[in-house]
Protein backbone atom coordinates (compact mmCIF):
# COMPACT_ATOMS: atom_id res chain seq x y z
CA LEU A 1 24.29 33.05 -66.22
CA GLU A 2 22.96 29.63 -65.36
CA ALA A 3 24.97 27.18 -63.24
CA ARG A 4 24.41 23.43 -62.65
CA VAL A 5 26.13 21.91 -59.58
CA VAL A 6 26.37 18.21 -60.50
CA GLY A 7 27.11 15.50 -57.96
CA MET A 8 26.76 17.50 -54.79
CA PRO A 9 23.86 17.30 -52.30
CA GLY A 10 22.27 20.31 -50.78
CA THR A 11 20.79 23.53 -51.91
CA SER A 12 22.19 26.97 -52.81
CA ALA A 13 20.98 30.44 -51.67
CA ASP A 14 21.35 31.58 -55.29
CA ALA A 15 18.14 30.69 -57.22
CA ARG A 16 20.27 30.40 -60.44
CA VAL A 17 22.06 27.34 -59.02
CA ARG A 18 20.40 24.04 -59.23
CA ARG A 19 22.08 21.04 -57.46
CA LEU A 20 21.23 18.09 -59.53
CA GLY A 21 22.99 15.32 -57.62
CA VAL A 22 23.41 13.01 -60.58
CA THR A 23 25.94 10.18 -60.95
CA ASP A 24 26.39 10.55 -64.72
CA PRO A 25 27.39 14.08 -65.61
CA THR A 26 27.54 13.43 -69.43
CA PRO A 27 24.42 15.35 -70.48
CA HIS A 28 25.53 18.19 -68.27
CA LEU A 29 29.02 18.33 -69.74
CA ALA A 30 27.56 18.39 -73.19
CA TRP A 31 25.29 21.37 -72.06
CA ALA A 32 28.19 23.35 -70.40
CA ASP A 33 30.28 26.22 -71.83
CA VAL A 34 32.58 26.05 -68.72
CA LEU A 35 33.27 23.36 -66.11
CA VAL A 36 34.35 24.75 -62.85
CA HIS A 37 36.43 22.09 -60.97
CA GLY A 38 37.83 23.27 -57.69
CA SER A 39 39.81 20.59 -55.99
CA ALA A 40 42.75 20.54 -53.56
CA ALA A 41 43.97 17.10 -54.76
CA GLU A 42 43.25 15.12 -57.82
CA SER A 43 45.10 12.14 -59.19
CA PHE A 44 43.82 12.25 -62.82
CA GLY A 45 41.10 14.91 -63.25
CA ARG A 46 38.96 12.73 -65.32
CA VAL A 47 35.93 14.94 -65.17
CA VAL A 48 38.08 17.78 -66.61
CA TYR A 49 39.06 15.62 -69.60
CA GLU A 50 35.42 14.52 -70.15
CA ALA A 51 34.35 18.16 -70.13
CA MET A 52 36.94 19.06 -72.72
CA ALA A 53 35.81 16.04 -74.90
CA HIS A 54 32.29 17.54 -74.79
CA GLY A 55 33.52 21.00 -75.73
CA ALA A 56 33.45 22.63 -72.28
CA LEU A 57 36.22 24.98 -71.18
CA PRO A 58 37.56 23.80 -67.73
CA ALA A 59 38.28 26.33 -65.05
CA THR A 60 40.35 24.53 -62.44
CA THR A 61 42.67 24.87 -59.45
CA PRO A 62 46.28 24.46 -60.61
CA LEU A 63 46.72 20.63 -60.01
CA PRO A 64 49.86 19.03 -61.49
CA VAL A 65 48.00 16.68 -63.82
CA LEU A 66 46.01 19.56 -65.24
CA ARG A 67 49.03 21.89 -65.54
CA ARG A 68 50.67 19.12 -67.75
CA ALA A 69 47.57 19.06 -69.96
CA ALA A 70 47.74 22.84 -70.33
CA GLN A 71 51.50 22.58 -71.23
CA ARG A 72 50.50 20.14 -73.96
CA GLY A 73 48.13 22.63 -75.50
CA ALA A 74 44.82 22.12 -73.68
CA ALA A 75 42.91 25.31 -72.98
CA ILE A 76 42.42 25.37 -69.26
CA LEU A 77 41.60 28.34 -67.05
CA SER A 78 43.41 28.20 -63.87
CA PHE A 79 42.35 29.94 -60.60
CA GLY A 80 45.13 29.33 -58.14
CA ALA A 81 44.80 31.84 -55.33
CA VAL A 82 45.47 30.17 -51.98
CA GLU A 83 42.74 31.93 -50.04
CA PRO A 84 39.33 30.65 -51.10
CA GLY A 85 37.81 34.14 -51.19
CA ALA A 86 40.63 35.25 -53.47
CA ALA A 87 40.21 32.13 -55.66
CA ALA A 88 36.48 32.88 -56.05
CA LEU A 89 37.26 36.39 -57.15
CA GLU A 90 39.92 35.23 -59.58
CA LEU A 91 37.43 32.66 -61.07
CA ARG A 92 34.72 35.27 -61.30
CA GLY A 93 37.13 37.66 -63.11
CA ASN A 94 38.08 34.97 -65.62
CA LEU A 95 34.39 33.97 -66.31
CA GLU A 96 33.31 37.67 -66.66
CA ALA A 97 36.09 38.28 -69.10
CA LEU A 98 35.13 35.30 -71.22
CA ALA A 99 31.39 36.14 -71.08
CA GLY A 100 32.27 39.51 -72.65
CA ASP A 101 34.41 37.90 -75.34
CA PRO A 102 32.54 35.09 -77.09
CA GLU A 103 35.02 34.79 -79.89
CA THR A 104 37.81 33.90 -77.37
CA MET A 105 35.43 31.51 -75.56
CA ALA A 106 34.60 29.70 -78.81
CA THR A 107 38.26 29.50 -79.82
CA LEU A 108 39.25 27.99 -76.50
CA ARG A 109 36.38 25.57 -76.47
CA ALA A 110 37.13 24.46 -80.04
CA ARG A 111 40.80 23.90 -79.15
CA ASN A 112 39.79 21.34 -76.54
CA HIS A 113 37.11 19.63 -78.66
CA ALA A 114 39.31 19.20 -81.74
């Protein structure tokens, strides 16, 4: 597992996480299998749509604009637990399940990139 945290300053205690602090995420979206987008409020969710256009599977909090996209057929993983610790565990479970099922991952990613 390799993670890139784009657009956020600081460092991580996990050596596998590199905070890049870039303003243009396009090359990272093209690299990504999954985009994790945790947000309490979002008016449009542009980065989620950009990630899907690049073939990444978004994993997001259940924001209304993203629920509508999922209802229209977009493949979006939702982690919606109220407590942050529970949300992280839910997200981890989703990602571990996908890591163990590359066929499903490829199918979901292709659905968004079509």
